[in-house]
PDB file of all heavy atoms in Angstrom:
ATOM      1  N   TRP A   1    -217.053  36.162 -34.038  1.00  0.00           N
ATOM      2  CA  TRP A   1    -216.899  35.042 -35.006  1.00  0.00           C
ATOM      3  C   TRP A   1    -215.413  34.840 -35.466  1.00  0.00           C
ATOM      4  O   TRP A   1    -214.758  35.862 -35.726  1.00  0.00           O
ATOM      5  CB  TRP A   1    -217.775  35.276 -36.241  1.00  0.00           C
ATOM      6  CG  TRP A   1    -217.745  34.188 -37.257  1.00  0.00           C
ATOM      7  CD1 TRP A   1    -218.431  33.057 -37.252  1.00  0.00           C
ATOM      8  CD2 TRP A   1    -216.905  34.113 -38.467  1.00  0.00           C
ATOM      9  NE1 TRP A   1    -218.097  32.276 -38.385  1.00  0.00           N
ATOM     10  CE2 TRP A   1    -217.146  32.998 -39.073  1.00  0.00           C
ATOM     11  CE3 TRP A   1    -215.891  35.019 -38.935  1.00  0.00           C
ATOM     12  CZ2 TRP A   1    -216.492  32.527 -40.228  1.00  0.00           C
ATOM     13  CZ3 TRP A   1    -215.209  34.659 -40.096  1.00  0.00           C
ATOM     14  CH2 TRP A   1    -215.514  33.416 -40.741  1.00  0.00           C
ATOM     15  N   PRO A   2    -214.978  33.602 -35.584  1.00  0.00           N
ATOM     16  CA  PRO A   2    -215.628  32.352 -35.253  1.00  0.00           C
ATOM     17  C   PRO A   2    -215.469  32.039 -33.769  1.00  0.00           C
ATOM     18  O   PRO A   2    -214.576  32.601 -33.151  1.00  0.00           O
ATOM     19  CB  PRO A   2    -214.862  31.331 -36.119  1.00  0.00           C
ATOM     20  CG  PRO A   2    -213.465  31.955 -36.311  1.00  0.00           C
ATOM     21  CD  PRO A   2    -213.687  33.471 -36.338  1.00  0.00           C
ATOM     22  N   ARG A   3    -216.268  31.159 -33.292  1.00  0.00           N
ATOM     23  CA  ARG A   3    -216.157  30.846 -31.829  1.00  0.00           C
ATOM     24  C   ARG A   3    -214.925  30.083 -31.442  1.00  0.00           C
ATOM     25  O   ARG A   3    -214.488  29.194 -32.112  1.00  0.00           O
ATOM     26  CB  ARG A   3    -217.411  29.934 -31.496  1.00  0.00           C
ATOM     27  CG  ARG A   3    -218.725  30.669 -31.564  1.00  0.00           C
ATOM     28  CD  ARG A   3    -219.871  29.724 -31.122  1.00  0.00           C
ATOM     29  NE  ARG A   3    -221.176  30.396 -31.234  1.00  0.00           N
ATOM     30  CZ  ARG A   3    -222.323  29.818 -30.832  1.00  0.00           C
ATOM     31  NH1 ARG A   3    -222.309  28.570 -30.422  1.00  0.00           N
ATOM     32  NH2 ARG A   3    -223.458  30.555 -31.019  1.00  0.00           N
ATOM     33  N   GLY A   4    -214.339  30.483 -30.361  1.00  0.00           N
ATOM     34  CA  GLY A   4    -213.166  29.850 -29.798  1.00  0.00           C
ATOM     35  C   GLY A   4    -211.895  30.078 -30.606  1.00  0.00           C
ATOM     36  O   GLY A   4    -210.876  29.519 -30.335  1.00  0.00           O
ATOM     37  N   GLU A   5    -211.976  31.132 -31.513  1.00  0.00           N
ATOM     38  CA  GLU A   5    -210.732  31.496 -32.260  1.00  0.00           C
ATOM     39  C   GLU A   5    -210.641  33.025 -32.315  1.00  0.00           C
ATOM     40  O   GLU A   5    -211.509  33.670 -31.847  1.00  0.00           O
ATOM     41  CB  GLU A   5    -210.949  30.951 -33.734  1.00  0.00           C
ATOM     42  CG  GLU A   5    -211.054  29.384 -33.834  1.00  0.00           C
ATOM     43  CD  GLU A   5    -211.158  28.893 -35.246  1.00  0.00           C
ATOM     44  OE1 GLU A   5    -210.364  29.463 -36.098  1.00  0.00           O
ATOM     45  OE2 GLU A   5    -211.959  28.039 -35.510  1.00  0.00           O
ATOM     46  N   PRO A   6    -209.438  33.493 -32.792  1.00  0.00           N
ATOM     47  CA  PRO A   6    -209.315  34.961 -32.944  1.00  0.00           C
ATOM     48  C   PRO A   6    -210.415  35.547 -33.711  1.00  0.00           C
ATOM     49  O   PRO A   6    -210.906  35.104 -34.675  1.00  0.00           O
ATOM     50  CB  PRO A   6    -207.998  35.098 -33.660  1.00  0.00           C
ATOM     51  CG  PRO A   6    -207.187  33.867 -33.318  1.00  0.00           C
ATOM     52  CD  PRO A   6    -208.214  32.724 -33.144  1.00  0.00           C
ATOM     53  N   ASN A   7    -210.993  36.637 -33.133  1.00  0.00           N
ATOM     54  CA  ASN A   7    -212.193  37.270 -33.744  1.00  0.00           C
ATOM     55  C   ASN A   7    -211.899  37.889 -35.051  1.00  0.00           C
ATOM     56  O   ASN A   7    -210.926  38.600 -35.309  1.00  0.00           O
ATOM     57  CB  ASN A   7    -212.654  38.406 -32.785  1.00  0.00           C
ATOM     58  CG  ASN A   7    -213.922  39.025 -33.289  1.00  0.00           C
ATOM     59  OD1 ASN A   7    -214.915  38.305 -33.560  1.00  0.00           O
ATOM     60  ND2 ASN A   7    -214.023  40.330 -33.323  1.00  0.00           N
ATOM     61  N   LEU A   8    -212.832  37.562 -35.990  1.00  0.00           N
ATOM     62  CA  LEU A   8    -212.757  38.154 -37.329  1.00  0.00           C
ATOM     63  C   LEU A   8    -214.032  38.938 -37.758  1.00  0.00           C
ATOM     64  O   LEU A   8    -214.365  39.058 -38.889  1.00  0.00           O
ATOM     65  CB  LEU A   8    -212.586  37.042 -38.410  1.00  0.00           C
ATOM     66  CG  LEU A   8    -211.272  36.223 -38.238  1.00  0.00           C
ATOM     67  CD1 LEU A   8    -211.353  34.998 -39.240  1.00  0.00           C
ATOM     68  CD2 LEU A   8    -210.070  37.039 -38.549  1.00  0.00           C
ATOM     69  N   ALA A   9    -214.711  39.426 -36.644  1.00  0.00           N
ATOM     70  CA  ALA A   9    -215.989  40.127 -36.859  1.00  0.00           C
ATOM     71  C   ALA A   9    -215.845  41.543 -36.292  1.00  0.00           C
ATOM     72  O   ALA A   9    -215.162  41.764 -35.425  1.00  0.00           O
ATOM     73  CB  ALA A   9    -217.159  39.379 -36.203  1.00  0.00           C
ATOM     74  N   THR A  10    -216.570  42.461 -36.902  1.00  0.00           N
ATOM     75  CA  THR A  10    -216.485  43.856 -36.508  1.00  0.00           C
ATOM     76  C   THR A  10    -217.909  44.545 -36.716  1.00  0.00           C
ATOM     77  O   THR A  10    -218.724  44.030 -37.526  1.00  0.00           O
ATOM     78  CB  THR A  10    -215.455  44.693 -37.292  1.00  0.00           C
ATOM     79  OG1 THR A  10    -215.351  45.935 -36.764  1.00  0.00           O
ATOM     80  CG2 THR A  10    -215.720  44.699 -38.755  1.00  0.00           C
ATOM     81  N   LEU A  11    -218.086  45.569 -36.096  1.00  0.00           N
ATOM     82  CA  LEU A  11    -219.353  46.378 -36.246  1.00  0.00           C
ATOM     83  C   LEU A  11    -219.045  47.664 -37.210  1.00  0.00           C
ATOM     84  O   LEU A  11    -217.990  48.321 -37.009  1.00  0.00           O
ATOM     85  CB  LEU A  11    -219.851  46.910 -34.947  1.00  0.00           C
ATOM     86  CG  LEU A  11    -221.193  47.575 -34.905  1.00  0.00           C
ATOM     87  CD1 LEU A  11    -222.244  46.618 -35.254  1.00  0.00           C
ATOM     88  CD2 LEU A  11    -221.528  48.206 -33.540  1.00  0.00           C
ATOM     89  N   VAL A  12    -219.911  47.763 -38.184  1.00  0.00           N
ATOM     90  CA  VAL A  12    -219.634  48.889 -39.182  1.00  0.00           C
ATOM     91  C   VAL A  12    -220.826  49.748 -39.388  1.00  0.00           C
ATOM     92  O   VAL A  12    -222.004  49.399 -39.049  1.00  0.00           O
ATOM     93  CB  VAL A  12    -219.235  48.245 -40.549  1.00  0.00           C
ATOM     94  CG1 VAL A  12    -217.979  47.374 -40.421  1.00  0.00           C
ATOM     95  CG2 VAL A  12    -220.390  47.374 -41.163  1.00  0.00           C
ATOM     96  N   GLU A  13    -220.610  50.960 -39.985  1.00  0.00           N
ATOM     97  CA  GLU A  13    -221.689  51.784 -40.392  1.00  0.00           C
ATOM     98  C   GLU A  13    -222.060  51.406 -41.876  1.00  0.00           C
ATOM     99  O   GLU A  13    -221.125  51.230 -42.713  1.00  0.00           O
ATOM    100  CB  GLU A  13    -221.300  53.237 -40.373  1.00  0.00           C
ATOM    101  CG  GLU A  13    -221.207  53.847 -38.957  1.00  0.00           C
ATOM    102  CD  GLU A  13    -222.579  53.922 -38.315  1.00  0.00           C
ATOM    103  OE1 GLU A  13    -223.647  53.967 -39.048  1.00  0.00           O
ATOM    104  OE2 GLU A  13    -222.679  54.110 -37.078  1.00  0.00           O
ATOM    105  N   GLU A  14    -223.310  51.182 -42.119  1.00  0.00           N
ATOM    106  CA  GLU A  14    -223.740  50.656 -43.450  1.00  0.00           C
ATOM    107  C   GLU A  14    -223.334  51.613 -44.594  1.00  0.00           C
ATOM    108  O   GLU A  14    -223.157  51.170 -45.669  1.00  0.00           O
ATOM    109  CB  GLU A  14    -225.209  50.424 -43.473  1.00  0.00           C
ATOM    110  CG  GLU A  14    -226.093  51.660 -43.289  1.00  0.00           C
ATOM    111  CD  GLU A  14    -227.570  51.343 -43.242  1.00  0.00           C
ATOM    112  OE1 GLU A  14    -227.912  50.326 -42.719  1.00  0.00           O
ATOM    113  OE2 GLU A  14    -228.355  52.167 -43.758  1.00  0.00           O
ATOM    114  N   THR A  15    -223.171  52.909 -44.283  1.00  0.00           N
ATOM    115  CA  THR A  15    -222.860  53.832 -45.323  1.00  0.00           C
ATOM    116  C   THR A  15    -221.369  54.313 -45.390  1.00  0.00           C
ATOM    117  O   THR A  15    -221.016  55.008 -46.223  1.00  0.00           O
ATOM    118  CB  THR A  15    -223.717  55.203 -45.210  1.00  0.00           C
ATOM    119  OG1 THR A  15    -223.476  55.685 -43.903  1.00  0.00           O
ATOM    120  CG2 THR A  15    -225.189  54.829 -45.328  1.00  0.00           C
ATOM    121  N   GLU A  16    -220.620  53.678 -44.477  1.00  0.00           N
ATOM    122  CA  GLU A  16    -219.134  53.956 -44.431  1.00  0.00           C
ATOM    123  C   GLU A  16    -218.453  52.733 -44.029  1.00  0.00           C
ATOM    124  O   GLU A  16    -217.874  52.603 -42.873  1.00  0.00           O
ATOM    125  CB  GLU A  16    -218.849  55.096 -43.492  1.00  0.00           C
ATOM    126  CG  GLU A  16    -219.509  56.401 -43.836  1.00  0.00           C
ATOM    127  CD  GLU A  16    -219.171  57.557 -42.868  1.00  0.00           C
ATOM    128  OE1 GLU A  16    -218.342  57.310 -41.982  1.00  0.00           O
ATOM    129  OE2 GLU A  16    -219.661  58.677 -42.958  1.00  0.00           O
ATOM    130  N   LEU A  17    -218.347  51.704 -44.918  1.00  0.00           N
ATOM    131  CA  LEU A  17    -217.598  50.529 -44.606  1.00  0.00           C
ATOM    132  C   LEU A  17    -216.103  50.856 -44.479  1.00  0.00           C
ATOM    133  O   LEU A  17    -215.550  51.488 -45.316  1.00  0.00           O
ATOM    134  CB  LEU A  17    -217.836  49.483 -45.714  1.00  0.00           C
ATOM    135  CG  LEU A  17    -219.246  49.069 -45.956  1.00  0.00           C
ATOM    136  CD1 LEU A  17    -219.315  48.031 -47.083  1.00  0.00           C
ATOM    137  CD2 LEU A  17    -219.850  48.464 -44.738  1.00  0.00           C
ATOM    138  N   PRO A  18    -215.447  50.379 -43.382  1.00  0.00           N
ATOM    139  CA  PRO A  18    -214.073  50.723 -43.101  1.00  0.00           C
ATOM    140  C   PRO A  18    -213.037  49.949 -43.854  1.00  0.00           C
ATOM    141  O   PRO A  18    -212.061  49.368 -43.335  1.00  0.00           O
ATOM    142  CB  PRO A  18    -213.998  50.418 -41.554  1.00  0.00           C
ATOM    143  CG  PRO A  18    -214.859  49.261 -41.348  1.00  0.00           C
ATOM    144  CD  PRO A  18    -216.050  49.490 -42.357  1.00  0.00           C
ATOM    145  N   PHE A  19    -213.254  49.805 -45.136  1.00  0.00           N
ATOM    146  CA  PHE A  19    -212.378  48.969 -46.045  1.00  0.00           C
ATOM    147  C   PHE A  19    -211.986  49.805 -47.246  1.00  0.00           C
ATOM    148  O   PHE A  19    -212.800  50.646 -47.715  1.00  0.00           O
ATOM    149  CB  PHE A  19    -213.078  47.622 -46.444  1.00  0.00           C
ATOM    150  CG  PHE A  19    -213.668  46.881 -45.327  1.00  0.00           C
ATOM    151  CD1 PHE A  19    -215.030  46.770 -45.236  1.00  0.00           C
ATOM    152  CD2 PHE A  19    -212.810  46.266 -44.435  1.00  0.00           C
ATOM    153  CE1 PHE A  19    -215.546  46.012 -44.195  1.00  0.00           C
ATOM    154  CE2 PHE A  19    -213.379  45.536 -43.407  1.00  0.00           C
ATOM    155  CZ  PHE A  19    -214.714  45.399 -43.279  1.00  0.00           C
ATOM    156  N   PRO A  20    -210.762  49.642 -47.720  1.00  0.00           N
ATOM    157  CA  PRO A  20    -210.411  50.438 -48.925  1.00  0.00           C
ATOM    158  C   PRO A  20    -211.149  49.936 -50.169  1.00  0.00           C
ATOM    159  O   PRO A  20    -211.811  48.911 -50.170  1.00  0.00           O
ATOM    160  CB  PRO A  20    -208.888  50.030 -49.050  1.00  0.00           C
ATOM    161  CG  PRO A  20    -208.495  49.456 -47.751  1.00  0.00           C
ATOM    162  CD  PRO A  20    -209.707  48.827 -47.167  1.00  0.00           C
ATOM    163  N   ASP A  21    -211.111  50.749 -51.182  1.00  0.00           N
ATOM    164  CA  ASP A  21    -211.740  50.422 -52.458  1.00  0.00           C
ATOM    165  C   ASP A  21    -211.076  49.072 -53.025  1.00  0.00           C
ATOM    166  O   ASP A  21    -209.879  48.864 -52.818  1.00  0.00           O
ATOM    167  CB  ASP A  21    -211.538  51.494 -53.556  1.00  0.00           C
ATOM    168  CG  ASP A  21    -212.139  52.755 -53.083  1.00  0.00           C
ATOM    169  OD1 ASP A  21    -212.821  52.798 -52.060  1.00  0.00           O
ATOM    170  OD2 ASP A  21    -211.973  53.832 -53.819  1.00  0.00           O
ATOM    171  N   PHE A  22    -211.928  48.302 -53.734  1.00  0.00           N
ATOM    172  CA  PHE A  22    -211.391  47.075 -54.362  1.00  0.00           C
ATOM    173  C   PHE A  22    -210.780  46.142 -53.420  1.00  0.00           C
ATOM    174  O   PHE A  22    -209.743  45.618 -53.643  1.00  0.00           O
ATOM    175  CB  PHE A  22    -210.470  47.382 -55.509  1.00  0.00           C
ATOM    176  CG  PHE A  22    -211.002  48.426 -56.464  1.00  0.00           C
ATOM    177  CD1 PHE A  22    -210.434  49.663 -56.439  1.00  0.00           C
ATOM    178  CD2 PHE A  22    -212.025  48.153 -57.299  1.00  0.00           C
ATOM    179  CE1 PHE A  22    -210.919  50.708 -57.390  1.00  0.00           C
ATOM    180  CE2 PHE A  22    -212.502  49.123 -58.214  1.00  0.00           C
ATOM    181  CZ  PHE A  22    -211.947  50.336 -58.288  1.00  0.00           C
ATOM    182  N   SER A  23    -211.392  45.830 -52.261  1.00  0.00           N
ATOM    183  CA  SER A  23    -210.860  45.022 -51.180  1.00  0.00           C
ATOM    184  C   SER A  23    -211.238  43.538 -51.303  1.00  0.00           C
ATOM    185  O   SER A  23    -210.497  42.681 -50.927  1.00  0.00           O
ATOM    186  CB  SER A  23    -211.199  45.557 -49.832  1.00  0.00           C
ATOM    187  OG  SER A  23    -210.663  46.808 -49.570  1.00  0.00           O
ATOM    188  N   PHE A  24    -212.411  43.272 -51.827  1.00  0.00           N
ATOM    189  CA  PHE A  24    -213.000  41.916 -51.780  1.00  0.00           C
ATOM    190  C   PHE A  24    -213.409  41.406 -53.110  1.00  0.00           C
ATOM    191  O   PHE A  24    -213.839  42.175 -53.974  1.00  0.00           O
ATOM    192  CB  PHE A  24    -214.193  41.894 -50.786  1.00  0.00           C
ATOM    193  CG  PHE A  24    -213.915  42.247 -49.361  1.00  0.00           C
ATOM    194  CD1 PHE A  24    -214.072  43.606 -48.971  1.00  0.00           C
ATOM    195  CD2 PHE A  24    -213.306  41.342 -48.492  1.00  0.00           C
ATOM    196  CE1 PHE A  24    -213.729  44.000 -47.639  1.00  0.00           C
ATOM    197  CE2 PHE A  24    -213.042  41.733 -47.241  1.00  0.00           C
ATOM    198  CZ  PHE A  24    -213.200  43.040 -46.804  1.00  0.00           C
ATOM    199  N   ASP A  25    -213.248  40.075 -53.187  1.00  0.00           N
ATOM    200  CA  ASP A  25    -213.706  39.394 -54.429  1.00  0.00           C
ATOM    201  C   ASP A  25    -215.250  39.068 -54.350  1.00  0.00           C
ATOM    202  O   ASP A  25    -215.909  39.004 -55.343  1.00  0.00           O
ATOM    203  CB  ASP A  25    -212.899  38.142 -54.623  1.00  0.00           C
ATOM    204  CG  ASP A  25    -211.380  38.399 -54.841  1.00  0.00           C
ATOM    205  OD1 ASP A  25    -211.070  38.895 -55.907  1.00  0.00           O
ATOM    206  OD2 ASP A  25    -210.698  38.041 -53.967  1.00  0.00           O
ATOM    207  N   ASN A  26    -215.673  38.678 -53.146  1.00  0.00           N
ATOM    208  CA  ASN A  26    -216.986  38.265 -52.975  1.00  0.00           C
ATOM    209  C   ASN A  26    -217.534  38.899 -51.664  1.00  0.00           C
ATOM    210  O   ASN A  26    -216.886  38.954 -50.610  1.00  0.00           O
ATOM    211  CB  ASN A  26    -217.161  36.753 -52.800  1.00  0.00           C
ATOM    212  CG  ASN A  26    -216.695  35.948 -54.059  1.00  0.00           C
ATOM    213  OD1 ASN A  26    -215.486  35.924 -54.344  1.00  0.00           O
ATOM    214  ND2 ASN A  26    -217.633  35.419 -54.761  1.00  0.00           N
ATOM    215  N   VAL A  27    -218.861  39.334 -51.713  1.00  0.00           N
ATOM    216  CA  VAL A  27    -219.545  39.850 -50.602  1.00  0.00           C
ATOM    217  C   VAL A  27    -220.799  39.146 -50.405  1.00  0.00           C
ATOM    218  O   VAL A  27    -221.681  39.006 -51.384  1.00  0.00           O
ATOM    219  CB  VAL A  27    -219.806  41.371 -50.683  1.00  0.00           C
ATOM    220  CG1 VAL A  27    -220.664  41.884 -49.477  1.00  0.00           C
ATOM    221  CG2 VAL A  27    -218.500  42.126 -50.715  1.00  0.00           C
ATOM    222  N   LEU A  28    -221.097  38.565 -49.239  1.00  0.00           N
ATOM    223  CA  LEU A  28    -222.325  37.857 -48.878  1.00  0.00           C
ATOM    224  C   LEU A  28    -223.147  38.762 -47.977  1.00  0.00           C
ATOM    225  O   LEU A  28    -222.624  39.148 -46.921  1.00  0.00           O
ATOM    226  CB  LEU A  28    -222.064  36.518 -48.232  1.00  0.00           C
ATOM    227  CG  LEU A  28    -223.260  35.786 -47.715  1.00  0.00           C
ATOM    228  CD1 LEU A  28    -224.185  35.303 -48.844  1.00  0.00           C
ATOM    229  CD2 LEU A  28    -222.857  34.569 -46.879  1.00  0.00           C
ATOM    230  N   LEU A  29    -224.321  39.258 -48.377  1.00  0.00           N
ATOM    231  CA  LEU A  29    -225.112  40.149 -47.616  1.00  0.00           C
ATOM    232  C   LEU A  29    -226.380  39.380 -47.219  1.00  0.00           C
ATOM    233  O   LEU A  29    -227.283  39.129 -48.011  1.00  0.00           O
ATOM    234  CB  LEU A  29    -225.524  41.382 -48.520  1.00  0.00           C
ATOM    235  CG  LEU A  29    -226.415  42.419 -47.911  1.00  0.00           C
ATOM    236  CD1 LEU A  29    -225.831  43.035 -46.587  1.00  0.00           C
ATOM    237  CD2 LEU A  29    -226.632  43.589 -48.864  1.00  0.00           C
ATOM    238  N   VAL A  30    -226.476  39.132 -45.878  1.00  0.00           N
ATOM    239  CA  VAL A  30    -227.557  38.357 -45.392  1.00  0.00           C
ATOM    240  C   VAL A  30    -228.260  39.154 -44.138  1.00  0.00           C
ATOM    241  O   VAL A  30    -227.615  39.583 -43.297  1.00  0.00           O
ATOM    242  CB  VAL A  30    -227.152  36.960 -44.807  1.00  0.00           C
ATOM    243  CG1 VAL A  30    -228.320  36.206 -44.285  1.00  0.00           C
ATOM    244  CG2 VAL A  30    -226.473  36.182 -45.947  1.00  0.00           C
ATOM    245  N   HIS A  31    -229.551  39.324 -44.278  1.00  0.00           N
ATOM    246  CA  HIS A  31    -230.244  40.079 -43.222  1.00  0.00           C
ATOM    247  C   HIS A  31    -229.614  41.421 -42.945  1.00  0.00           C
ATOM    248  O   HIS A  31    -229.481  41.892 -41.838  1.00  0.00           O
ATOM    249  CB  HIS A  31    -230.293  39.335 -41.890  1.00  0.00           C
ATOM    250  CG  HIS A  31    -231.180  38.133 -41.902  1.00  0.00           C
ATOM    251  ND1 HIS A  31    -232.434  38.072 -42.561  1.00  0.00           N
ATOM    252  CD2 HIS A  31    -231.063  36.830 -41.452  1.00  0.00           C
ATOM    253  CE1 HIS A  31    -232.987  36.896 -42.450  1.00  0.00           C
ATOM    254  NE2 HIS A  31    -232.166  36.141 -41.813  1.00  0.00           N
ATOM    255  N   GLY A  32    -229.215  42.174 -44.103  1.00  0.00           N
ATOM    256  CA  GLY A  32    -228.596  43.450 -43.935  1.00  0.00           C
ATOM    257  C   GLY A  32    -229.369  44.415 -44.732  1.00  0.00           C
ATOM    258  O   GLY A  32    -229.618  45.558 -44.360  1.00  0.00           O
ATOM    259  N   LEU A  33    -229.839  44.074 -45.936  1.00  0.00           N
ATOM    260  CA  LEU A  33    -230.505  44.986 -46.883  1.00  0.00           C
ATOM    261  C   LEU A  33    -231.824  45.431 -46.295  1.00  0.00           C
ATOM    262  O   LEU A  33    -232.265  46.583 -46.359  1.00  0.00           O
ATOM    263  CB  LEU A  33    -230.577  44.481 -48.191  1.00  0.00           C
ATOM    264  CG  LEU A  33    -231.124  45.374 -49.328  1.00  0.00           C
ATOM    265  CD1 LEU A  33    -230.357  46.612 -49.455  1.00  0.00           C
ATOM    266  CD2 LEU A  33    -231.189  44.630 -50.670  1.00  0.00           C
ATOM    267  N   GLU A  34    -232.604  44.447 -45.870  1.00  0.00           N
ATOM    268  CA  GLU A  34    -234.010  44.754 -45.458  1.00  0.00           C
ATOM    269  C   GLU A  34    -234.073  45.589 -44.159  1.00  0.00           C
ATOM    270  O   GLU A  34    -235.098  46.224 -43.964  1.00  0.00           O
ATOM    271  CB  GLU A  34    -234.759  43.432 -45.222  1.00  0.00           C
ATOM    272  CG  GLU A  34    -234.249  42.539 -44.069  1.00  0.00           C
ATOM    273  CD  GLU A  34    -233.306  41.556 -44.475  1.00  0.00           C
ATOM    274  OE1 GLU A  34    -232.639  41.769 -45.518  1.00  0.00           O
ATOM    275  OE2 GLU A  34    -233.188  40.502 -43.814  1.00  0.00           O
ATOM    276  N   THR A  35    -232.997  45.636 -43.365  1.00  0.00           N
ATOM    277  CA  THR A  35    -232.989  46.354 -42.184  1.00  0.00           C
ATOM    278  C   THR A  35    -232.192  47.713 -42.344  1.00  0.00           C
ATOM    279  O   THR A  35    -232.184  48.479 -41.361  1.00  0.00           O
ATOM    280  CB  THR A  35    -232.426  45.677 -40.959  1.00  0.00           C
ATOM    281  OG1 THR A  35    -231.061  45.239 -41.300  1.00  0.00           O
ATOM    282  CG2 THR A  35    -233.269  44.371 -40.770  1.00  0.00           C
ATOM    283  N   ALA A  36    -231.673  47.955 -43.516  1.00  0.00           N
ATOM    284  CA  ALA A  36    -230.850  49.147 -43.682  1.00  0.00           C
ATOM    285  C   ALA A  36    -231.720  50.367 -43.790  1.00  0.00           C
ATOM    286  O   ALA A  36    -232.825  50.365 -44.295  1.00  0.00           O
ATOM    287  CB  ALA A  36    -229.995  48.967 -45.030  1.00  0.00           C
TER     288      ALA A  36
END
């Protein structure tokens, strides 16, 4: 994602997100919690 552009998507472990503390203002969680 996005299609036809430089990739901005990655695969992560749900218990070890590869991002530093306090990295994001907003997080959208869709079809992730029910399968965790």
